[in-house]
Amino acid sequence: MSKLSHSNPNLDGVYTGEIESHMDNREFEERKVDIEFIKLPQVLEIYPVGRTTWLNGVNSGEYPQPYRLGKRITAWRKADIIKLCEAAPRVDREEVK
């Protein structure tokens, strides 16, 4: 089971935190991994779709699920968004015209 601890956002509105993972092997009993979280406006800067399109995609499972960092704070792991961008098909600008 993983436990998420979060901290305040930096000036860009990016949240950073740690996940503590408890494994059977004593050597890896408490391993901490740094994770960067971004809120919806930053997600849409990286993956340029509209807000409604993004939220519909999250609800349908097409896009990554968010994490609740507080009562009114929802954010996505930046690594998940970058992975989504890398997996997205490339569109040639000539095809768009």
PDB file of N, CA and C in Angstrom:
ATOM      1  N   MET A   1       0.844  -1.174   0.000  1.00  0.00           N
ATOM      2  CA  MET A   1       0.000   0.000   0.000  1.00  0.00           C
ATOM      3  C   MET A   1       0.891   1.239   0.000  1.00  0.00           C
ATOM      4  N   SER A   2       0.541   2.218  -0.762  1.00  0.00           N
ATOM      5  CA  SER A   2       1.325   3.441  -0.851  1.00  0.00           C
ATOM      6  C   SER A   2       0.646   4.566  -0.102  1.00  0.00           C
ATOM      7  N   LYS A   3       1.467   5.430   0.446  1.00  0.00           N
ATOM      8  CA  LYS A   3       0.955   6.590   1.168  1.00  0.00           C
ATOM      9  C   LYS A   3       1.506   7.832   0.487  1.00  0.00           C
ATOM     10  N   LEU A   4       0.644   8.789   0.200  1.00  0.00           N
ATOM     11  CA  LEU A   4       1.060  10.005  -0.487  1.00  0.00           C
ATOM     12  C   LEU A   4       1.124  11.138   0.516  1.00  0.00           C
ATOM     13  N   SER A   5       2.258  11.809   0.545  1.00  0.00           N
ATOM     14  CA  SER A   5       2.351  13.035   1.336  1.00  0.00           C
ATOM     15  C   SER A   5       2.614  14.161   0.365  1.00  0.00           C
ATOM     16  N   HIS A   6       2.008  15.313   0.593  1.00  0.00           N
ATOM     17  CA  HIS A   6       2.155  16.400  -0.369  1.00  0.00           C
ATOM     18  C   HIS A   6       2.658  17.646   0.318  1.00  0.00           C
ATOM     19  N   SER A   7       3.140  18.549  -0.478  1.00  0.00           N
ATOM     20  CA  SER A   7       3.645  19.809   0.043  1.00  0.00           C
ATOM     21  C   SER A   7       2.973  20.948  -0.697  1.00  0.00           C
ATOM     22  N   ASN A   8       3.288  22.153  -0.313  1.00  0.00           N
ATOM     23  CA  ASN A   8       2.708  23.325  -0.960  1.00  0.00           C
ATOM     24  C   ASN A   8       3.229  23.462  -2.381  1.00  0.00           C
ATOM     25  N   PRO A   9       2.464  24.131  -3.251  1.00  0.00           N
ATOM     26  CA  PRO A   9       2.914  24.291  -4.624  1.00  0.00           C
ATOM     27  C   PRO A   9       4.061  25.293  -4.708  1.00  0.00           C
ATOM     28  N   ASN A  10       4.890  25.115  -5.734  1.00  0.00           N
ATOM     29  CA  ASN A  10       5.908  26.128  -5.977  1.00  0.00           C
ATOM     30  C   ASN A  10       5.265  27.275  -6.748  1.00  0.00           C
ATOM     31  N   LEU A  11       6.036  28.220  -7.205  1.00  0.00           N
ATOM     32  CA  LEU A  11       5.480  29.409  -7.856  1.00  0.00           C
ATOM     33  C   LEU A  11       4.727  29.104  -9.147  1.00  0.00           C
ATOM     34  N   ASP A  12       5.035  27.988  -9.799  1.00  0.00           N
ATOM     35  CA  ASP A  12       4.360  27.624 -11.042  1.00  0.00           C
ATOM     36  C   ASP A  12       3.064  26.860 -10.795  1.00  0.00           C
ATOM     37  N   GLY A  13       2.700  26.628  -9.551  1.00  0.00           N
ATOM     38  CA  GLY A  13       1.498  25.857  -9.250  1.00  0.00           C
ATOM     39  C   GLY A  13       1.729  24.370  -9.372  1.00  0.00           C
ATOM     40  N   VAL A  14       2.997  23.940  -9.363  1.00  0.00           N
ATOM     41  CA  VAL A  14       3.341  22.528  -9.473  1.00  0.00           C
ATOM     42  C   VAL A  14       3.533  21.976  -8.071  1.00  0.00           C
ATOM     43  N   TYR A  15       2.891  20.859  -7.785  1.00  0.00           N
ATOM     44  CA  TYR A  15       2.995  20.225  -6.482  1.00  0.00           C
ATOM     45  C   TYR A  15       4.037  19.125  -6.549  1.00  0.00           C
ATOM     46  N   THR A  16       4.804  19.011  -5.506  1.00  0.00           N
ATOM     47  CA  THR A  16       5.759  17.918  -5.425  1.00  0.00           C
ATOM     48  C   THR A  16       5.449  17.127  -4.174  1.00  0.00           C
ATOM     49  N   GLY A  17       5.739  15.880  -4.197  1.00  0.00           N
ATOM     50  CA  GLY A  17       5.460  15.053  -3.035  1.00  0.00           C
ATOM     51  C   GLY A  17       6.283  13.791  -3.078  1.00  0.00           C
ATOM     52  N   GLU A  18       6.007  12.921  -2.154  1.00  0.00           N
ATOM     53  CA  GLU A  18       6.722  11.658  -2.082  1.00  0.00           C
ATOM     54  C   GLU A  18       5.713  10.544  -1.904  1.00  0.00           C
ATOM     55  N   ILE A  19       6.051   9.387  -2.431  1.00  0.00           N
ATOM     56  CA  ILE A  19       5.267   8.190  -2.162  1.00  0.00           C
ATOM     57  C   ILE A  19       6.170   7.237  -1.400  1.00  0.00           C
ATOM     58  N   GLU A  20       5.693   6.786  -0.266  1.00  0.00           N
ATOM     59  CA  GLU A  20       6.437   5.811   0.504  1.00  0.00           C
ATOM     60  C   GLU A  20       5.888   4.441   0.147  1.00  0.00           C
ATOM     61  N   SER A  21       6.759   3.558  -0.263  1.00  0.00           N
ATOM     62  CA  SER A  21       6.345   2.226  -0.655  1.00  0.00           C
ATOM     63  C   SER A  21       6.911   1.226   0.347  1.00  0.00           C
ATOM     64  N   HIS A  22       6.073   0.362   0.865  1.00  0.00           N
ATOM     65  CA  HIS A  22       6.511  -0.635   1.842  1.00  0.00           C
ATOM     66  C   HIS A  22       6.545  -1.992   1.152  1.00  0.00           C
ATOM     67  N   MET A  23       7.761  -2.549   1.004  1.00  0.00           N
ATOM     68  CA  MET A  23       7.939  -3.810   0.308  1.00  0.00           C
ATOM     69  C   MET A  23       8.348  -4.875   1.315  1.00  0.00           C
ATOM     70  N   ASP A  24       8.247  -6.143   0.914  1.00  0.00           N
ATOM     71  CA  ASP A  24       8.627  -7.247   1.788  1.00  0.00           C
ATOM     72  C   ASP A  24      10.128  -7.263   2.046  1.00  0.00           C
ATOM     73  N   ASN A  25      10.905  -6.974   1.051  1.00  0.00           N
ATOM     74  CA  ASN A  25      12.355  -7.007   1.156  1.00  0.00           C
ATOM     75  C   ASN A  25      12.822  -5.873   2.065  1.00  0.00           C
ATOM     76  N   ARG A  26      13.563  -6.191   3.136  1.00  0.00           N
ATOM     77  CA  ARG A  26      14.005  -5.169   4.090  1.00  0.00           C
ATOM     78  C   ARG A  26      14.819  -4.066   3.438  1.00  0.00           C
ATOM     79  N   GLU A  27      15.591  -4.427   2.432  1.00  0.00           N
ATOM     80  CA  GLU A  27      16.423  -3.432   1.755  1.00  0.00           C
ATOM     81  C   GLU A  27      15.579  -2.330   1.139  1.00  0.00           C
ATOM     82  N   PHE A  28      14.369  -2.679   0.694  1.00  0.00           N
ATOM     83  CA  PHE A  28      13.483  -1.716   0.042  1.00  0.00           C
ATOM     84  C   PHE A  28      12.239  -1.419   0.877  1.00  0.00           C
ATOM     85  N   GLU A  29      12.323  -1.628   2.192  1.00  0.00           N
ATOM     86  CA  GLU A  29      11.144  -1.503   3.030  1.00  0.00           C
ATOM     87  C   GLU A  29      10.492  -0.123   2.946  1.00  0.00           C
ATOM     88  N   GLU A  30      11.283   0.927   2.983  1.00  0.00           N
ATOM     89  CA  GLU A  30      10.730   2.274   2.841  1.00  0.00           C
ATOM     90  C   GLU A  30      11.497   3.007   1.761  1.00  0.00           C
ATOM     91  N   ARG A  31      11.006   2.930   0.572  1.00  0.00           N
ATOM     92  CA  ARG A  31      11.626   3.607  -0.553  1.00  0.00           C
ATOM     93  C   ARG A  31      10.791   4.832  -0.879  1.00  0.00           C
ATOM     94  N   LYS A  32      11.441   5.979  -1.037  1.00  0.00           N
ATOM     95  CA  LYS A  32      10.722   7.211  -1.356  1.00  0.00           C
ATOM     96  C   LYS A  32      11.044   7.617  -2.782  1.00  0.00           C
ATOM     97  N   VAL A  33      10.005   7.946  -3.523  1.00  0.00           N
ATOM     98  CA  VAL A  33      10.146   8.355  -4.910  1.00  0.00           C
ATOM     99  C   VAL A  33       9.559   9.756  -5.042  1.00  0.00           C
ATOM    100  N   ASP A  34      10.341  10.688  -5.566  1.00  0.00           N
ATOM    101  CA  ASP A  34       9.819  12.037  -5.772  1.00  0.00           C
ATOM    102  C   ASP A  34       8.872  12.045  -6.952  1.00  0.00           C
ATOM    103  N   ILE A  35       7.759  12.722  -6.777  1.00  0.00           N
ATOM    104  CA  ILE A  35       6.746  12.816  -7.814  1.00  0.00           C
ATOM    105  C   ILE A  35       6.358  14.282  -7.968  1.00  0.00           C
ATOM    106  N   GLU A  36       6.180  14.713  -9.207  1.00  0.00           N
ATOM    107  CA  GLU A  36       5.761  16.085  -9.470  1.00  0.00           C
ATOM    108  C   GLU A  36       4.318  16.062  -9.955  1.00  0.00           C
ATOM    109  N   PHE A  37       3.477  16.880  -9.349  1.00  0.00           N
ATOM    110  CA  PHE A  37       2.070  16.980  -9.722  1.00  0.00           C
ATOM    111  C   PHE A  37       1.813  18.328 -10.370  1.00  0.00           C
ATOM    112  N   ILE A  38       0.922  18.324 -11.372  1.00  0.00           N
ATOM    113  CA  ILE A  38       0.535  19.574 -12.029  1.00  0.00           C
ATOM    114  C   ILE A  38      -0.987  19.655 -12.072  1.00  0.00           C
ATOM    115  N   LYS A  39      -1.480  20.882 -12.000  1.00  0.00           N
ATOM    116  CA  LYS A  39      -2.917  21.107 -12.036  1.00  0.00           C
ATOM    117  C   LYS A  39      -3.382  21.243 -13.489  1.00  0.00           C
ATOM    118  N   LEU A  40      -4.686  21.294 -13.673  1.00  0.00           N
ATOM    119  CA  LEU A  40      -5.284  21.257 -15.005  1.00  0.00           C
ATOM    120  C   LEU A  40      -4.735  22.314 -15.977  1.00  0.00           C
ATOM    121  N   PRO A  41      -4.566  23.579 -15.586  1.00  0.00           N
ATOM    122  CA  PRO A  41      -4.035  24.550 -16.560  1.00  0.00           C
ATOM    123  C   PRO A  41      -2.663  24.152 -17.117  1.00  0.00           C
ATOM    124  N   GLN A  42      -1.796  23.588 -16.257  1.00  0.00           N
ATOM    125  CA  GLN A  42      -0.484  23.150 -16.732  1.00  0.00           C
ATOM    126  C   GLN A  42      -0.595  21.895 -17.597  1.00  0.00           C
ATOM    127  N   VAL A  43      -1.548  21.016 -17.261  1.00  0.00           N
ATOM    128  CA  VAL A  43      -1.778  19.821 -18.088  1.00  0.00           C
ATOM    129  C   VAL A  43      -2.149  20.241 -19.506  1.00  0.00           C
ATOM    130  N   LEU A  44      -3.049  21.227 -19.609  1.00  0.00           N
ATOM    131  CA  LEU A  44      -3.537  21.653 -20.921  1.00  0.00           C
ATOM    132  C   LEU A  44      -2.480  22.431 -21.707  1.00  0.00           C
ATOM    133  N   GLU A  45      -1.464  22.961 -21.034  1.00  0.00           N
ATOM    134  CA  GLU A  45      -0.339  23.569 -21.752  1.00  0.00           C
ATOM    135  C   GLU A  45       0.539  22.498 -22.382  1.00  0.00           C
ATOM    136  N   ILE A  46       0.670  21.372 -21.698  1.00  0.00           N
ATOM    137  CA  ILE A  46       1.505  20.281 -22.203  1.00  0.00           C
ATOM    138  C   ILE A  46       0.759  19.466 -23.256  1.00  0.00           C
ATOM    139  N   TYR A  47      -0.505  19.164 -22.995  1.00  0.00           N
ATOM    140  CA  TYR A  47      -1.339  18.361 -23.902  1.00  0.00           C
ATOM    141  C   TYR A  47      -2.480  19.260 -24.379  1.00  0.00           C
ATOM    142  N   PRO A  48      -2.314  19.911 -25.513  1.00  0.00           N
ATOM    143  CA  PRO A  48      -3.241  20.977 -25.933  1.00  0.00           C
ATOM    144  C   PRO A  48      -4.588  20.496 -26.470  1.00  0.00           C
ATOM    145  N   VAL A  49      -5.487  20.227 -25.551  1.00  0.00           N
ATOM    146  CA  VAL A  49      -6.883  19.964 -25.902  1.00  0.00           C
ATOM    147  C   VAL A  49      -7.712  20.892 -25.020  1.00  0.00           C
ATOM    148  N   GLY A  50      -8.982  21.015 -25.306  1.00  0.00           N
ATOM    149  CA  GLY A  50      -9.854  21.855 -24.503  1.00  0.00           C
ATOM    150  C   GLY A  50     -10.149  21.225 -23.150  1.00  0.00           C
ATOM    151  N   ARG A  51     -10.565  22.051 -22.223  1.00  0.00           N
ATOM    152  CA  ARG A  51     -10.865  21.596 -20.862  1.00  0.00           C
ATOM    153  C   ARG A  51     -11.940  20.503 -20.864  1.00  0.00           C
ATOM    154  N   THR A  52     -13.017  20.734 -21.592  1.00  0.00           N
ATOM    155  CA  THR A  52     -14.104  19.750 -21.631  1.00  0.00           C
ATOM    156  C   THR A  52     -13.645  18.448 -22.279  1.00  0.00           C
ATOM    157  N   THR A  53     -12.882  18.548 -23.363  1.00  0.00           N
ATOM    158  CA  THR A  53     -12.344  17.351 -24.025  1.00  0.00           C
ATOM    159  C   THR A  53     -11.478  16.568 -23.058  1.00  0.00           C
ATOM    160  N   TRP A  54     -10.627  17.281 -22.315  1.00  0.00           N
ATOM    161  CA  TRP A  54      -9.748  16.607 -21.354  1.00  0.00           C
ATOM    162  C   TRP A  54     -10.571  15.897 -20.271  1.00  0.00           C
ATOM    163  N   LEU A  55     -11.520  16.601 -19.668  1.00  0.00           N
ATOM    164  CA  LEU A  55     -12.305  16.004 -18.583  1.00  0.00           C
ATOM    165  C   LEU A  55     -13.160  14.839 -19.071  1.00  0.00           C
ATOM    166  N   ASN A  56     -13.697  14.932 -20.293  1.00  0.00           N
ATOM    167  CA  ASN A  56     -14.439  13.799 -20.859  1.00  0.00           C
ATOM    168  C   ASN A  56     -13.506  12.612 -21.079  1.00  0.00           C
ATOM    169  N   GLY A  57     -12.272  12.890 -21.538  1.00  0.00           N
ATOM    170  CA  GLY A  57     -11.280  11.828 -21.735  1.00  0.00           C
ATOM    171  C   GLY A  57     -10.866  11.175 -20.428  1.00  0.00           C
ATOM    172  N   VAL A  58     -10.770  11.950 -19.360  1.00  0.00           N
ATOM    173  CA  VAL A  58     -10.458  11.388 -18.041  1.00  0.00           C
ATOM    174  C   VAL A  58     -11.603  10.479 -17.593  1.00  0.00           C
ATOM    175  N   ASN A  59     -12.839  10.951 -17.767  1.00  0.00           N
ATOM    176  CA  ASN A  59     -14.004  10.151 -17.360  1.00  0.00           C
ATOM    177  C   ASN A  59     -14.137   8.866 -18.164  1.00  0.00           C
ATOM    178  N   SER A  60     -13.738   8.895 -19.436  1.00  0.00           N
ATOM    179  CA  SER A  60     -13.843   7.703 -20.275  1.00  0.00           C
ATOM    180  C   SER A  60     -12.648   6.769 -20.132  1.00  0.00           C
ATOM    181  N   GLY A  61     -11.593   7.228 -19.459  1.00  0.00           N
ATOM    182  CA  GLY A  61     -10.399   6.394 -19.296  1.00  0.00           C
ATOM    183  C   GLY A  61      -9.358   6.600 -20.382  1.00  0.00           C
ATOM    184  N   GLU A  62      -9.613   7.513 -21.306  1.00  0.00           N
ATOM    185  CA  GLU A  62      -8.668   7.789 -22.392  1.00  0.00           C
ATOM    186  C   GLU A  62      -7.435   8.523 -21.881  1.00  0.00           C
ATOM    187  N   TYR A  63      -7.601   9.366 -20.862  1.00  0.00           N
ATOM    188  CA  TYR A  63      -6.517  10.151 -20.280  1.00  0.00           C
ATOM    189  C   TYR A  63      -6.297   9.707 -18.830  1.00  0.00           C
ATOM    190  N   PRO A  64      -5.124  10.005 -18.271  1.00  0.00           N
ATOM    191  CA  PRO A  64      -4.812   9.564 -16.900  1.00  0.00           C
ATOM    192  C   PRO A  64      -5.768  10.133 -15.849  1.00  0.00           C
ATOM    193  N   GLN A  65      -5.966   9.353 -14.804  1.00  0.00           N
ATOM    194  CA  GLN A  65      -6.811   9.768 -13.699  1.00  0.00           C
ATOM    195  C   GLN A  65      -6.043  10.738 -12.800  1.00  0.00           C
ATOM    196  N   PRO A  66      -6.736  11.716 -12.218  1.00  0.00           N
ATOM    197  CA  PRO A  66      -6.077  12.672 -11.329  1.00  0.00           C
ATOM    198  C   PRO A  66      -5.930  12.103  -9.917  1.00  0.00           C
ATOM    199  N   TYR A  67      -5.152  12.798  -9.114  1.00  0.00           N
ATOM    200  CA  TYR A  67      -4.982  12.490  -7.702  1.00  0.00           C
ATOM    201  C   TYR A  67      -5.595  13.626  -6.897  1.00  0.00           C
ATOM    202  N   ARG A  68      -6.247  13.287  -5.804  1.00  0.00           N
ATOM    203  CA  ARG A  68      -6.794  14.304  -4.899  1.00  0.00           C
ATOM    204  C   ARG A  68      -5.714  14.598  -3.872  1.00  0.00           C
ATOM    205  N   LEU A  69      -5.194  15.825  -3.885  1.00  0.00           N
ATOM    206  CA  LEU A  69      -4.154  16.218  -2.948  1.00  0.00           C
ATOM    207  C   LEU A  69      -4.724  16.956  -1.741  1.00  0.00           C
ATOM    208  N   GLY A  70      -5.986  17.267  -1.799  1.00  0.00           N
ATOM    209  CA  GLY A  70      -6.669  17.960  -0.709  1.00  0.00           C
ATOM    210  C   GLY A  70      -8.142  18.056  -1.041  1.00  0.00           C
ATOM    211  N   LYS A  71      -8.900  18.719  -0.199  1.00  0.00           N
ATOM    212  CA  LYS A  71     -10.343  18.843  -0.440  1.00  0.00           C
ATOM    213  C   LYS A  71     -10.653  19.477  -1.781  1.00  0.00           C
ATOM    214  N   ARG A  72      -9.894  20.512  -2.129  1.00  0.00           N
ATOM    215  CA  ARG A  72     -10.176  21.252  -3.358  1.00  0.00           C
ATOM    216  C   ARG A  72      -8.991  21.261  -4.315  1.00  0.00           C
ATOM    217  N   ILE A  73      -8.098  20.302  -4.177  1.00  0.00           N
ATOM    218  CA  ILE A  73      -6.912  20.260  -5.037  1.00  0.00           C
ATOM    219  C   ILE A  73      -6.877  18.933  -5.774  1.00  0.00           C
ATOM    220  N   THR A  74      -6.984  18.998  -7.080  1.00  0.00           N
ATOM    221  CA  THR A  74      -6.872  17.831  -7.943  1.00  0.00           C
ATOM    222  C   THR A  74      -5.711  18.083  -8.883  1.00  0.00           C
ATOM    223  N   ALA A  75      -4.854  17.091  -9.032  1.00  0.00           N
ATOM    224  CA  ALA A  75      -3.681  17.258  -9.886  1.00  0.00           C
ATOM    225  C   ALA A  75      -3.332  15.933 -10.540  1.00  0.00           C
ATOM    226  N   TRP A  76      -2.529  16.025 -11.584  1.00  0.00           N
ATOM    227  CA  TRP A  76      -2.066  14.847 -12.320  1.00  0.00           C
ATOM    228  C   TRP A  76      -0.565  14.706 -12.142  1.00  0.00           C
ATOM    229  N   ARG A  77      -0.079  13.477 -12.202  1.00  0.00           N
ATOM    230  CA  ARG A  77       1.364  13.265 -12.181  1.00  0.00           C
ATOM    231  C   ARG A  77       1.927  13.754 -13.511  1.00  0.00           C
ATOM    232  N   LYS A  78       2.935  14.598 -13.451  1.00  0.00           N
ATOM    233  CA  LYS A  78       3.531  15.149 -14.663  1.00  0.00           C
ATOM    234  C   LYS A  78       4.083  14.039 -15.542  1.00  0.00           C
ATOM    235  N   ALA A  79       4.653  13.009 -14.950  1.00  0.00           N
ATOM    236  CA  ALA A  79       5.203  11.882 -15.712  1.00  0.00           C
ATOM    237  C   ALA A  79       4.117  11.186 -16.529  1.00  0.00           C
ATOM    238  N   ASP A  80       2.894  11.083 -15.986  1.00  0.00           N
ATOM    239  CA  ASP A  80       1.786  10.463 -16.725  1.00  0.00           C
ATOM    240  C   ASP A  80       1.409  11.288 -17.950  1.00  0.00           C
ATOM    241  N   ILE A  81       1.446  12.610 -17.812  1.00  0.00           N
ATOM    242  CA  ILE A  81       1.080  13.489 -18.926  1.00  0.00           C
ATOM    243  C   ILE A  81       2.150  13.430 -20.015  1.00  0.00           C
ATOM    244  N   ILE A  82       3.404  13.422 -19.617  1.00  0.00           N
ATOM    245  CA  ILE A  82       4.496  13.321 -20.595  1.00  0.00           C
ATOM    246  C   ILE A  82       4.434  11.981 -21.327  1.00  0.00           C
ATOM    247  N   LYS A  83       4.140  10.916 -20.592  1.00  0.00           N
ATOM    248  CA  LYS A  83       4.004   9.589 -21.204  1.00  0.00           C
ATOM    249  C   LYS A  83       2.848   9.578 -22.216  1.00  0.00           C
ATOM    250  N   LEU A  84       1.753  10.251 -21.872  1.00  0.00           N
ATOM    251  CA  LEU A  84       0.611  10.362 -22.788  1.00  0.00           C
ATOM    252  C   LEU A  84       1.022  11.087 -24.067  1.00  0.00           C
ATOM    253  N   CYS A  85       1.783  12.169 -23.923  1.00  0.00           N
ATOM    254  CA  CYS A  85       2.240  12.930 -25.094  1.00  0.00           C
ATOM    255  C   CYS A  85       3.137  12.084 -25.992  1.00  0.00           C
ATOM    256  N   GLU A  86       4.009  11.311 -25.392  1.00  0.00           N
ATOM    257  CA  GLU A  86       4.919  10.468 -26.169  1.00  0.00           C
ATOM    258  C   GLU A  86       4.172   9.378 -26.922  1.00  0.00           C
ATOM    259  N   ALA A  87       3.068   8.907 -26.353  1.00  0.00           N
ATOM    260  CA  ALA A  87       2.289   7.841 -26.985  1.00  0.00           C
ATOM    261  C   ALA A  87       1.312   8.366 -28.034  1.00  0.00           C
ATOM    262  N   ALA A  88       1.044   9.666 -28.024  1.00  0.00           N
ATOM    263  CA  ALA A  88       0.075  10.250 -28.955  1.00  0.00           C
ATOM    264  C   ALA A  88       0.624  10.222 -30.381  1.00  0.00           C
ATOM    265  N   PRO A  89      -0.242   9.969 -31.356  1.00  0.00           N
ATOM    266  CA  PRO A  89       0.221   9.980 -32.753  1.00  0.00           C
ATOM    267  C   PRO A  89       0.632  11.391 -33.171  1.00  0.00           C
ATOM    268  N   ARG A  90       1.663  11.462 -33.976  1.00  0.00           N
ATOM    269  CA  ARG A  90       2.150  12.749 -34.480  1.00  0.00           C
ATOM    270  C   ARG A  90       1.266  13.201 -35.635  1.00  0.00           C
ATOM    271  N   VAL A  91       0.971  14.505 -35.655  1.00  0.00           N
ATOM    272  CA  VAL A  91       0.181  15.075 -36.737  1.00  0.00           C
ATOM    273  C   VAL A  91       1.082  16.022 -37.509  1.00  0.00           C
ATOM    274  N   ASP A  92       1.194  15.780 -38.811  1.00  0.00           N
ATOM    275  CA  ASP A  92       1.985  16.643 -39.663  1.00  0.00           C
ATOM    276  C   ASP A  92       1.192  17.914 -39.933  1.00  0.00           C
ATOM    277  N   ARG A  93       1.831  19.062 -39.826  1.00  0.00           N
ATOM    278  CA  ARG A  93       1.141  20.342 -40.031  1.00  0.00           C
ATOM    279  C   ARG A  93       0.531  20.434 -41.421  1.00  0.00           C
ATOM    280  N   GLU A  94       1.127  19.794 -42.409  1.00  0.00           N
ATOM    281  CA  GLU A  94       0.588  19.804 -43.765  1.00  0.00           C
ATOM    282  C   GLU A  94      -0.764  19.088 -43.830  1.00  0.00           C
ATOM    283  N   GLU A  95      -0.941  18.038 -43.004  1.00  0.00           N
ATOM    284  CA  GLU A  95      -2.201  17.302 -42.970  1.00  0.00           C
ATOM    285  C   GLU A  95      -3.327  18.144 -42.382  1.00  0.00           C
ATOM    286  N   VAL A  96      -3.001  19.048 -41.471  1.00  0.00           N
ATOM    287  CA  VAL A  96      -4.011  19.865 -40.795  1.00  0.00           C
ATOM    288  C   VAL A  96      -4.602  20.898 -41.754  1.00  0.00           C
ATOM    289  N   LYS A  97      -3.817  21.421 -42.682  1.00  0.00           N
ATOM    290  CA  LYS A  97      -4.285  22.471 -43.603  1.00  0.00           C
ATOM    291  C   LYS A  97      -5.311  22.005 -44.546  1.00  0.00           C
TER     292      LYS A  97
END
